[in-house]
Amino acid sequence: MTRLLSPSAAVDVELGPGGAPTSISGALSGSIDPIARWKVEASWWTRPVVREYWRVLLNNHLLCEMYHDLSSNDWFVERVFD
């Protein structure tokens, strides 16, 4: 099952070599093992959306989807897979 967090949970992210996230703190916290990465660019009406998404394994057991809002430089957890 998938749980969409609405609104997405803001987190602080620590980056490793190459810019991949290695740990988060905030609404969820722990170590991160990145699994997949993709970028979304869209002009949603007049407010452009530019995000870099990551599917990650949090604390070696919880699969999550998070994104880096490249416009604001903020990070969010958007989805948790049960």
PDB file of N, CA and C in Angstrom:
ATOM      1  N   MET A   1       0.841  -1.167   0.000  1.00  0.00           N
ATOM      2  CA  MET A   1       0.000   0.000   0.000  1.00  0.00           C
ATOM      3  C   MET A   1       0.893   1.239   0.000  1.00  0.00           C
ATOM      4  N   THR A   2       0.406   2.329  -0.576  1.00  0.00           N
ATOM      5  CA  THR A   2       1.134   3.579  -0.649  1.00  0.00           C
ATOM      6  C   THR A   2       0.374   4.650   0.109  1.00  0.00           C
ATOM      7  N   ARG A   3       1.105   5.409   0.894  1.00  0.00           N
ATOM      8  CA  ARG A   3       0.495   6.518   1.620  1.00  0.00           C
ATOM      9  C   ARG A   3       1.088   7.819   1.086  1.00  0.00           C
ATOM     10  N   LEU A   4       0.237   8.679   0.490  1.00  0.00           N
ATOM     11  CA  LEU A   4       0.654   9.968  -0.016  1.00  0.00           C
ATOM     12  C   LEU A   4       0.530  10.974   1.115  1.00  0.00           C
ATOM     13  N   LEU A   5       1.614  11.659   1.437  1.00  0.00           N
ATOM     14  CA  LEU A   5       1.593  12.660   2.495  1.00  0.00           C
ATOM     15  C   LEU A   5       1.131  13.980   1.908  1.00  0.00           C
ATOM     16  N   SER A   6       0.042  14.509   2.426  1.00  0.00           N
ATOM     17  CA  SER A   6      -0.496  15.766   1.916  1.00  0.00           C
ATOM     18  C   SER A   6      -0.836  16.685   3.081  1.00  0.00           C
ATOM     19  N   PRO A   7      -0.071  17.728   3.286  1.00  0.00           N
ATOM     20  CA  PRO A   7       1.045  18.172   2.460  1.00  0.00           C
ATOM     21  C   PRO A   7       2.281  17.294   2.691  1.00  0.00           C
ATOM     22  N   SER A   8       3.216  17.390   1.766  1.00  0.00           N
ATOM     23  CA  SER A   8       4.476  16.654   1.895  1.00  0.00           C
ATOM     24  C   SER A   8       5.210  17.115   3.147  1.00  0.00           C
ATOM     25  N   ALA A   9       5.936  16.179   3.773  1.00  0.00           N
ATOM     26  CA  ALA A   9       6.638  16.473   5.026  1.00  0.00           C
ATOM     27  C   ALA A   9       8.016  17.074   4.741  1.00  0.00           C
ATOM     28  N   ALA A  10       8.261  18.264   5.264  1.00  0.00           N
ATOM     29  CA  ALA A  10       9.554  18.923   5.090  1.00  0.00           C
ATOM     30  C   ALA A  10      10.612  18.190   5.911  1.00  0.00           C
ATOM     31  N   VAL A  11      11.785  18.012   5.314  1.00  0.00           N
ATOM     32  CA  VAL A  11      12.903  17.351   5.991  1.00  0.00           C
ATOM     33  C   VAL A  11      14.192  18.101   5.674  1.00  0.00           C
ATOM     34  N   ASP A  12      15.169  17.952   6.560  1.00  0.00           N
ATOM     35  CA  ASP A  12      16.520  18.441   6.305  1.00  0.00           C
ATOM     36  C   ASP A  12      17.315  17.266   5.772  1.00  0.00           C
ATOM     37  N   VAL A  13      18.111  17.500   4.748  1.00  0.00           N
ATOM     38  CA  VAL A  13      18.836  16.424   4.077  1.00  0.00           C
ATOM     39  C   VAL A  13      20.331  16.676   4.134  1.00  0.00           C
ATOM     40  N   GLU A  14      21.060  15.619   4.428  1.00  0.00           N
ATOM     41  CA  GLU A  14      22.515  15.654   4.351  1.00  0.00           C
ATOM     42  C   GLU A  14      22.919  14.935   3.078  1.00  0.00           C
ATOM     43  N   LEU A  15      23.775  15.594   2.293  1.00  0.00           N
ATOM     44  CA  LEU A  15      24.192  15.034   1.011  1.00  0.00           C
ATOM     45  C   LEU A  15      25.577  14.427   1.108  1.00  0.00           C
ATOM     46  N   GLY A  16      25.772  13.356   0.349  1.00  0.00           N
ATOM     47  CA  GLY A  16      27.071  12.709   0.281  1.00  0.00           C
ATOM     48  C   GLY A  16      27.808  13.119  -0.976  1.00  0.00           C
ATOM     49  N   PRO A  17      28.915  12.457  -1.257  1.00  0.00           N
ATOM     50  CA  PRO A  17      29.666  12.730  -2.479  1.00  0.00           C
ATOM     51  C   PRO A  17      28.786  12.512  -3.710  1.00  0.00           C
ATOM     52  N   GLY A  18      28.862  13.399  -4.653  1.00  0.00           N
ATOM     53  CA  GLY A  18      28.049  13.277  -5.856  1.00  0.00           C
ATOM     54  C   GLY A  18      26.663  13.863  -5.705  1.00  0.00           C
ATOM     55  N   GLY A  19      26.312  14.386  -4.527  1.00  0.00           N
ATOM     56  CA  GLY A  19      25.024  15.035  -4.332  1.00  0.00           C
ATOM     57  C   GLY A  19      23.866  14.135  -3.973  1.00  0.00           C
ATOM     58  N   ALA A  20      24.111  12.870  -3.718  1.00  0.00           N
ATOM     59  CA  ALA A  20      23.033  11.955  -3.326  1.00  0.00           C
ATOM     60  C   ALA A  20      22.720  12.135  -1.843  1.00  0.00           C
ATOM     61  N   PRO A  21      21.441  12.079  -1.465  1.00  0.00           N
ATOM     62  CA  PRO A  21      21.096  12.199  -0.048  1.00  0.00           C
ATOM     63  C   PRO A  21      21.578  10.979   0.738  1.00  0.00           C
ATOM     64  N   THR A  22      22.106  11.225   1.948  1.00  0.00           N
ATOM     65  CA  THR A  22      22.599  10.132   2.784  1.00  0.00           C
ATOM     66  C   THR A  22      21.820  10.002   4.086  1.00  0.00           C
ATOM     67  N   SER A  23      21.207  11.102   4.539  1.00  0.00           N
ATOM     68  CA  SER A  23      20.389  11.032   5.753  1.00  0.00           C
ATOM     69  C   SER A  23      19.419  12.207   5.778  1.00  0.00           C
ATOM     70  N   ILE A  24      18.321  12.019   6.521  1.00  0.00           N
ATOM     71  CA  ILE A  24      17.336  13.085   6.678  1.00  0.00           C
ATOM     72  C   ILE A  24      16.987  13.243   8.142  1.00  0.00           C
ATOM     73  N   SER A  25      16.501  14.432   8.468  1.00  0.00           N
ATOM     74  CA  SER A  25      15.953  14.690   9.801  1.00  0.00           C
ATOM     75  C   SER A  25      14.774  15.629   9.624  1.00  0.00           C
ATOM     76  N   GLY A  26      13.859  15.572  10.565  1.00  0.00           N
ATOM     77  CA  GLY A  26      12.637  16.366  10.471  1.00  0.00           C
ATOM     78  C   GLY A  26      11.454  15.481  10.774  1.00  0.00           C
ATOM     79  N   ALA A  27      10.422  15.554   9.937  1.00  0.00           N
ATOM     80  CA  ALA A  27       9.215  14.748  10.142  1.00  0.00           C
ATOM     81  C   ALA A  27       9.545  13.258  10.148  1.00  0.00           C
ATOM     82  N   LEU A  28      10.477  12.843   9.317  1.00  0.00           N
ATOM     83  CA  LEU A  28      11.028  11.489   9.310  1.00  0.00           C
ATOM     84  C   LEU A  28      12.534  11.651   9.450  1.00  0.00           C
ATOM     85  N   SER A  29      13.197  10.680  10.031  1.00  0.00           N
ATOM     86  CA  SER A  29      14.644  10.836  10.176  1.00  0.00           C
ATOM     87  C   SER A  29      15.344   9.495  10.071  1.00  0.00           C
ATOM     88  N   GLY A  30      16.617   9.549   9.681  1.00  0.00           N
ATOM     89  CA  GLY A  30      17.426   8.353   9.617  1.00  0.00           C
ATOM     90  C   GLY A  30      18.349   8.342   8.422  1.00  0.00           C
ATOM     91  N   SER A  31      18.978   7.200   8.224  1.00  0.00           N
ATOM     92  CA  SER A  31      19.904   7.031   7.103  1.00  0.00           C
ATOM     93  C   SER A  31      19.123   6.683   5.845  1.00  0.00           C
ATOM     94  N   ILE A  32      19.702   7.040   4.705  1.00  0.00           N
ATOM     95  CA  ILE A  32      19.046   6.839   3.416  1.00  0.00           C
ATOM     96  C   ILE A  32      19.948   6.032   2.490  1.00  0.00           C
ATOM     97  N   ASP A  33      19.348   5.061   1.806  1.00  0.00           N
ATOM     98  CA  ASP A  33      20.005   4.351   0.716  1.00  0.00           C
ATOM     99  C   ASP A  33      19.227   4.693  -0.553  1.00  0.00           C
ATOM    100  N   PRO A  34      19.782   5.555  -1.434  1.00  0.00           N
ATOM    101  CA  PRO A  34      19.074   5.907  -2.668  1.00  0.00           C
ATOM    102  C   PRO A  34      18.890   4.700  -3.580  1.00  0.00           C
ATOM    103  N   ILE A  35      17.712   4.602  -4.208  1.00  0.00           N
ATOM    104  CA  ILE A  35      17.395   3.506  -5.116  1.00  0.00           C
ATOM    105  C   ILE A  35      17.232   4.018  -6.547  1.00  0.00           C
ATOM    106  N   ALA A  36      16.507   5.121  -6.713  1.00  0.00           N
ATOM    107  CA  ALA A  36      16.254   5.669  -8.048  1.00  0.00           C
ATOM    108  C   ALA A  36      16.180   7.187  -7.972  1.00  0.00           C
ATOM    109  N   ARG A  37      16.422   7.824  -9.117  1.00  0.00           N
ATOM    110  CA  ARG A  37      16.420   9.290  -9.181  1.00  0.00           C
ATOM    111  C   ARG A  37      15.864   9.715 -10.533  1.00  0.00           C
ATOM    112  N   TRP A  38      14.991  10.755 -10.545  1.00  0.00           N
ATOM    113  CA  TRP A  38      14.486  11.304 -11.794  1.00  0.00           C
ATOM    114  C   TRP A  38      14.112  12.765 -11.577  1.00  0.00           C
ATOM    115  N   LYS A  39      14.048  13.506 -12.656  1.00  0.00           N
ATOM    116  CA  LYS A  39      13.774  14.937 -12.588  1.00  0.00           C
ATOM    117  C   LYS A  39      12.466  15.255 -13.289  1.00  0.00           C
ATOM    118  N   VAL A  40      11.685  16.172 -12.704  1.00  0.00           N
ATOM    119  CA  VAL A  40      10.422  16.607 -13.278  1.00  0.00           C
ATOM    120  C   VAL A  40      10.484  18.116 -13.477  1.00  0.00           C
ATOM    121  N   GLU A  41      10.204  18.542 -14.703  1.00  0.00           N
ATOM    122  CA  GLU A  41      10.119  19.968 -15.006  1.00  0.00           C
ATOM    123  C   GLU A  41       8.800  20.197 -15.719  1.00  0.00           C
ATOM    124  N   ALA A  42       7.969  21.073 -15.160  1.00  0.00           N
ATOM    125  CA  ALA A  42       6.673  21.362 -15.759  1.00  0.00           C
ATOM    126  C   ALA A  42       6.281  22.798 -15.448  1.00  0.00           C
ATOM    127  N   SER A  43       5.590  23.406 -16.365  1.00  0.00           N
ATOM    128  CA  SER A  43       5.057  24.751 -16.122  1.00  0.00           C
ATOM    129  C   SER A  43       3.600  24.582 -15.749  1.00  0.00           C
ATOM    130  N   TRP A  44       3.358  24.376 -14.475  1.00  0.00           N
ATOM    131  CA  TRP A  44       2.001  24.164 -14.006  1.00  0.00           C
ATOM    132  C   TRP A  44       1.318  25.505 -13.943  1.00  0.00           C
ATOM    133  N   TRP A  45       0.533  25.806 -14.954  1.00  0.00           N
ATOM    134  CA  TRP A  45      -0.072  27.098 -15.214  1.00  0.00           C
ATOM    135  C   TRP A  45       1.020  28.160 -15.215  1.00  0.00           C
ATOM    136  N   THR A  46       1.064  29.023 -14.252  1.00  0.00           N
ATOM    137  CA  THR A  46       2.065  30.097 -14.257  1.00  0.00           C
ATOM    138  C   THR A  46       3.154  29.879 -13.217  1.00  0.00           C
ATOM    139  N   ARG A  47       3.073  28.806 -12.448  1.00  0.00           N
ATOM    140  CA  ARG A  47       4.072  28.522 -11.405  1.00  0.00           C
ATOM    141  C   ARG A  47       4.861  27.280 -11.802  1.00  0.00           C
ATOM    142  N   PRO A  48       6.056  27.460 -12.368  1.00  0.00           N
ATOM    143  CA  PRO A  48       6.834  26.303 -12.818  1.00  0.00           C
ATOM    144  C   PRO A  48       7.203  25.366 -11.673  1.00  0.00           C
ATOM    145  N   VAL A  49       7.253  24.072 -11.977  1.00  0.00           N
ATOM    146  CA  VAL A  49       7.650  23.050 -11.024  1.00  0.00           C
ATOM    147  C   VAL A  49       8.936  22.409 -11.537  1.00  0.00           C
ATOM    148  N   VAL A  50       9.986  22.488 -10.718  1.00  0.00           N
ATOM    149  CA  VAL A  50      11.259  21.857 -11.060  1.00  0.00           C
ATOM    150  C   VAL A  50      11.690  21.064  -9.831  1.00  0.00           C
ATOM    151  N   ARG A  51      11.592  19.736  -9.936  1.00  0.00           N
ATOM    152  CA  ARG A  51      11.897  18.864  -8.799  1.00  0.00           C
ATOM    153  C   ARG A  51      12.791  17.711  -9.217  1.00  0.00           C
ATOM    154  N   GLU A  52      13.633  17.315  -8.287  1.00  0.00           N
ATOM    155  CA  GLU A  52      14.437  16.115  -8.462  1.00  0.00           C
ATOM    156  C   GLU A  52      13.902  15.097  -7.457  1.00  0.00           C
ATOM    157  N   TYR A  53      13.333  14.018  -7.960  1.00  0.00           N
ATOM    158  CA  TYR A  53      12.733  12.990  -7.108  1.00  0.00           C
ATOM    159  C   TYR A  53      13.735  11.894  -6.797  1.00  0.00           C
ATOM    160  N   TRP A  54      13.593  11.321  -5.626  1.00  0.00           N
ATOM    161  CA  TRP A  54      14.427  10.192  -5.190  1.00  0.00           C
ATOM    162  C   TRP A  54      13.527   9.137  -4.562  1.00  0.00           C
ATOM    163  N   ARG A  55      13.698   7.895  -4.937  1.00  0.00           N
ATOM    164  CA  ARG A  55      13.089   6.776  -4.221  1.00  0.00           C
ATOM    165  C   ARG A  55      14.205   6.230  -3.345  1.00  0.00           C
ATOM    166  N   VAL A  56      13.935   6.152  -2.037  1.00  0.00           N
ATOM    167  CA  VAL A  56      14.985   5.815  -1.079  1.00  0.00           C
ATOM    168  C   VAL A  56      14.488   4.775  -0.085  1.00  0.00           C
ATOM    169  N   LEU A  57      15.437   4.085   0.513  1.00  0.00           N
ATOM    170  CA  LEU A  57      15.161   3.164   1.598  1.00  0.00           C
ATOM    171  C   LEU A  57      15.612   3.858   2.878  1.00  0.00           C
ATOM    172  N   LEU A  58      14.670   4.149   3.762  1.00  0.00           N
ATOM    173  CA  LEU A  58      14.945   4.857   5.005  1.00  0.00           C
ATOM    174  C   LEU A  58      15.199   3.852   6.120  1.00  0.00           C
ATOM    175  N   ASN A  59      16.328   3.990   6.781  1.00  0.00           N
ATOM    176  CA  ASN A  59      16.709   3.110   7.896  1.00  0.00           C
ATOM    177  C   ASN A  59      16.673   1.627   7.527  1.00  0.00           C
ATOM    178  N   ASN A  60      17.009   1.324   6.280  1.00  0.00           N
ATOM    179  CA  ASN A  60      17.096  -0.051   5.775  1.00  0.00           C
ATOM    180  C   ASN A  60      15.777  -0.820   5.756  1.00  0.00           C
ATOM    181  N   HIS A  61      14.631  -0.150   5.944  1.00  0.00           N
ATOM    182  CA  HIS A  61      13.385  -0.918   5.911  1.00  0.00           C
ATOM    183  C   HIS A  61      12.153  -0.178   5.395  1.00  0.00           C
ATOM    184  N   LEU A  62      12.162   1.146   5.324  1.00  0.00           N
ATOM    185  CA  LEU A  62      10.970   1.891   4.908  1.00  0.00           C
ATOM    186  C   LEU A  62      11.224   2.544   3.554  1.00  0.00           C
ATOM    187  N   LEU A  63      10.445   2.133   2.538  1.00  0.00           N
ATOM    188  CA  LEU A  63      10.583   2.688   1.198  1.00  0.00           C
ATOM    189  C   LEU A  63       9.814   4.000   1.121  1.00  0.00           C
ATOM    190  N   CYS A  64      10.498   5.067   0.695  1.00  0.00           N
ATOM    191  CA  CYS A  64       9.895   6.399   0.620  1.00  0.00           C
ATOM    192  C   CYS A  64      10.219   7.055  -0.714  1.00  0.00           C
ATOM    193  N   GLU A  65       9.400   8.024  -1.070  1.00  0.00           N
ATOM    194  CA  GLU A  65       9.679   8.856  -2.223  1.00  0.00           C
ATOM    195  C   GLU A  65       9.803  10.279  -1.723  1.00  0.00           C
ATOM    196  N   MET A  66      10.912  10.916  -2.058  1.00  0.00           N
ATOM    197  CA  MET A  66      11.142  12.284  -1.613  1.00  0.00           C
ATOM    198  C   MET A  66      11.558  13.123  -2.798  1.00  0.00           C
ATOM    199  N   TYR A  67      11.484  14.449  -2.624  1.00  0.00           N
ATOM    200  CA  TYR A  67      11.918  15.311  -3.711  1.00  0.00           C
ATOM    201  C   TYR A  67      12.642  16.536  -3.190  1.00  0.00           C
ATOM    202  N   HIS A  68      13.506  17.050  -4.049  1.00  0.00           N
ATOM    203  CA  HIS A  68      14.238  18.280  -3.809  1.00  0.00           C
ATOM    204  C   HIS A  68      13.618  19.332  -4.719  1.00  0.00           C
ATOM    205  N   ASP A  69      12.984  20.342  -4.123  1.00  0.00           N
ATOM    206  CA  ASP A  69      12.414  21.443  -4.904  1.00  0.00           C
ATOM    207  C   ASP A  69      13.569  22.346  -5.307  1.00  0.00           C
ATOM    208  N   LEU A  70      13.951  22.299  -6.573  1.00  0.00           N
ATOM    209  CA  LEU A  70      15.125  23.024  -7.040  1.00  0.00           C
ATOM    210  C   LEU A  70      14.902  24.533  -7.070  1.00  0.00           C
ATOM    211  N   SER A  71      13.649  24.977  -7.080  1.00  0.00           N
ATOM    212  CA  SER A  71      13.364  26.410  -7.063  1.00  0.00           C
ATOM    213  C   SER A  71      13.611  27.021  -5.688  1.00  0.00           C
ATOM    214  N   SER A  72      13.237  26.287  -4.636  1.00  0.00           N
ATOM    215  CA  SER A  72      13.367  26.813  -3.268  1.00  0.00           C
ATOM    216  C   SER A  72      14.518  26.179  -2.492  1.00  0.00           C
ATOM    217  N   ASN A  73      15.120  25.118  -3.043  1.00  0.00           N
ATOM    218  CA  ASN A  73      16.192  24.348  -2.396  1.00  0.00           C
ATOM    219  C   ASN A  73      15.707  23.633  -1.125  1.00  0.00           C
ATOM    220  N   ASP A  74      14.422  23.310  -1.065  1.00  0.00           N
ATOM    221  CA  ASP A  74      13.839  22.587   0.070  1.00  0.00           C
ATOM    222  C   ASP A  74      13.636  21.129  -0.294  1.00  0.00           C
ATOM    223  N   TRP A  75      13.646  20.262   0.731  1.00  0.00           N
ATOM    224  CA  TRP A  75      13.445  18.815   0.568  1.00  0.00           C
ATOM    225  C   TRP A  75      12.159  18.387   1.271  1.00  0.00           C
ATOM    226  N   PHE A  76      11.473  17.411   0.673  1.00  0.00           N
ATOM    227  CA  PHE A  76      10.213  16.910   1.217  1.00  0.00           C
ATOM    228  C   PHE A  76      10.104  15.403   1.023  1.00  0.00           C
ATOM    229  N   VAL A  77       9.450  14.729   1.956  1.00  0.00           N
ATOM    230  CA  VAL A  77       9.041  13.341   1.770  1.00  0.00           C
ATOM    231  C   VAL A  77       7.593  13.404   1.326  1.00  0.00           C
ATOM    232  N   GLU A  78       7.293  12.798   0.171  1.00  0.00           N
ATOM    233  CA  GLU A  78       5.962  12.895  -0.422  1.00  0.00           C
ATOM    234  C   GLU A  78       5.155  11.607  -0.304  1.00  0.00           C
ATOM    235  N   ARG A  79       5.822  10.469  -0.281  1.00  0.00           N
ATOM    236  CA  ARG A  79       5.116   9.188  -0.331  1.00  0.00           C
ATOM    237  C   ARG A  79       5.848   8.159   0.515  1.00  0.00           C
ATOM    238  N   VAL A  80       5.080   7.333   1.203  1.00  0.00           N
ATOM    239  CA  VAL A  80       5.635   6.239   1.996  1.00  0.00           C
ATOM    240  C   VAL A  80       4.953   4.957   1.534  1.00  0.00           C
ATOM    241  N   PHE A  81       5.769   3.950   1.239  1.00  0.00           N
ATOM    242  CA  PHE A  81       5.251   2.657   0.787  1.00  0.00           C
ATOM    243  C   PHE A  81       5.257   1.711   1.988  1.00  0.00           C
ATOM    244  N   ASP A  82       4.081   1.182   2.319  1.00  0.00           N
ATOM    245  CA  ASP A  82       3.960   0.288   3.476  1.00  0.00           C
ATOM    246  C   ASP A  82       4.356  -1.121   3.110  1.00  0.00           C
TER     247      ASP A  82
END
